[in-house]
C-alpha cells in the first residue's frame, strides 16, 4: 500500500472516530431531567450522561482509535433506545456505523488493525487494498448531508430535552 493511501486511511479513520462520537453527542456537559419517562427519554438521557466520560477519549486532534470498537457498540445501544423524537436520526447514525463495520469486515481488517495503521502504518499482509480504500470512503460519508442533519437534530434534542449542550463543530 502506498504511503499516500495509508495517510488517507489514517486521516479518515481519525476523522470518522471524531465524527461518530460527535454524532452521538456524548461530550455533553451537565444534564437536566426534563424528559418524560413515558417515551423512554429519561433512560436515554441517563445513558447519554453515563457514557460521557468514555466518549471524551475522542475529543481533540488525537482521538483514541483503540476505543472505536466500543464506541460503535455504544452507538448501536443508543440507537436501540432512542426516543421517538430522535429515533430516525439515530437510525441514520446507526446505518453509517453498520456500513463502516461491513466495509472493515469486507476488507479483512479489525479495530486493532486500524490502531496499528494509525500508529505506525502497519497494514496487515492479507488485506484487500481496494477494500481498505472503501473503508476510508465509508468514514468520509460521515461528513455532510443526511448524517449532519441527523447529528444536528440529536444535538438540538439533547439540549432541549436532556439539558445537555453538545459541541458539534
Foldseek 3Di string as FASTA:
>chain_A
DDPVLLVLLLVLLLLLLLLLLLLLLLLWDDWDQQADPPQLVNVLLVLSPVCNVVSCQSDDDDRDLLCSVVSLVVLVVSLVRPGPQQNVLSVVSNVLSVQLVVLCVVQPHDSVQSVCSNPPNDHDPSGDSVSSSVSSVSSVVCPDDSNVVSSVSSQVCCCVRTVIHGDND
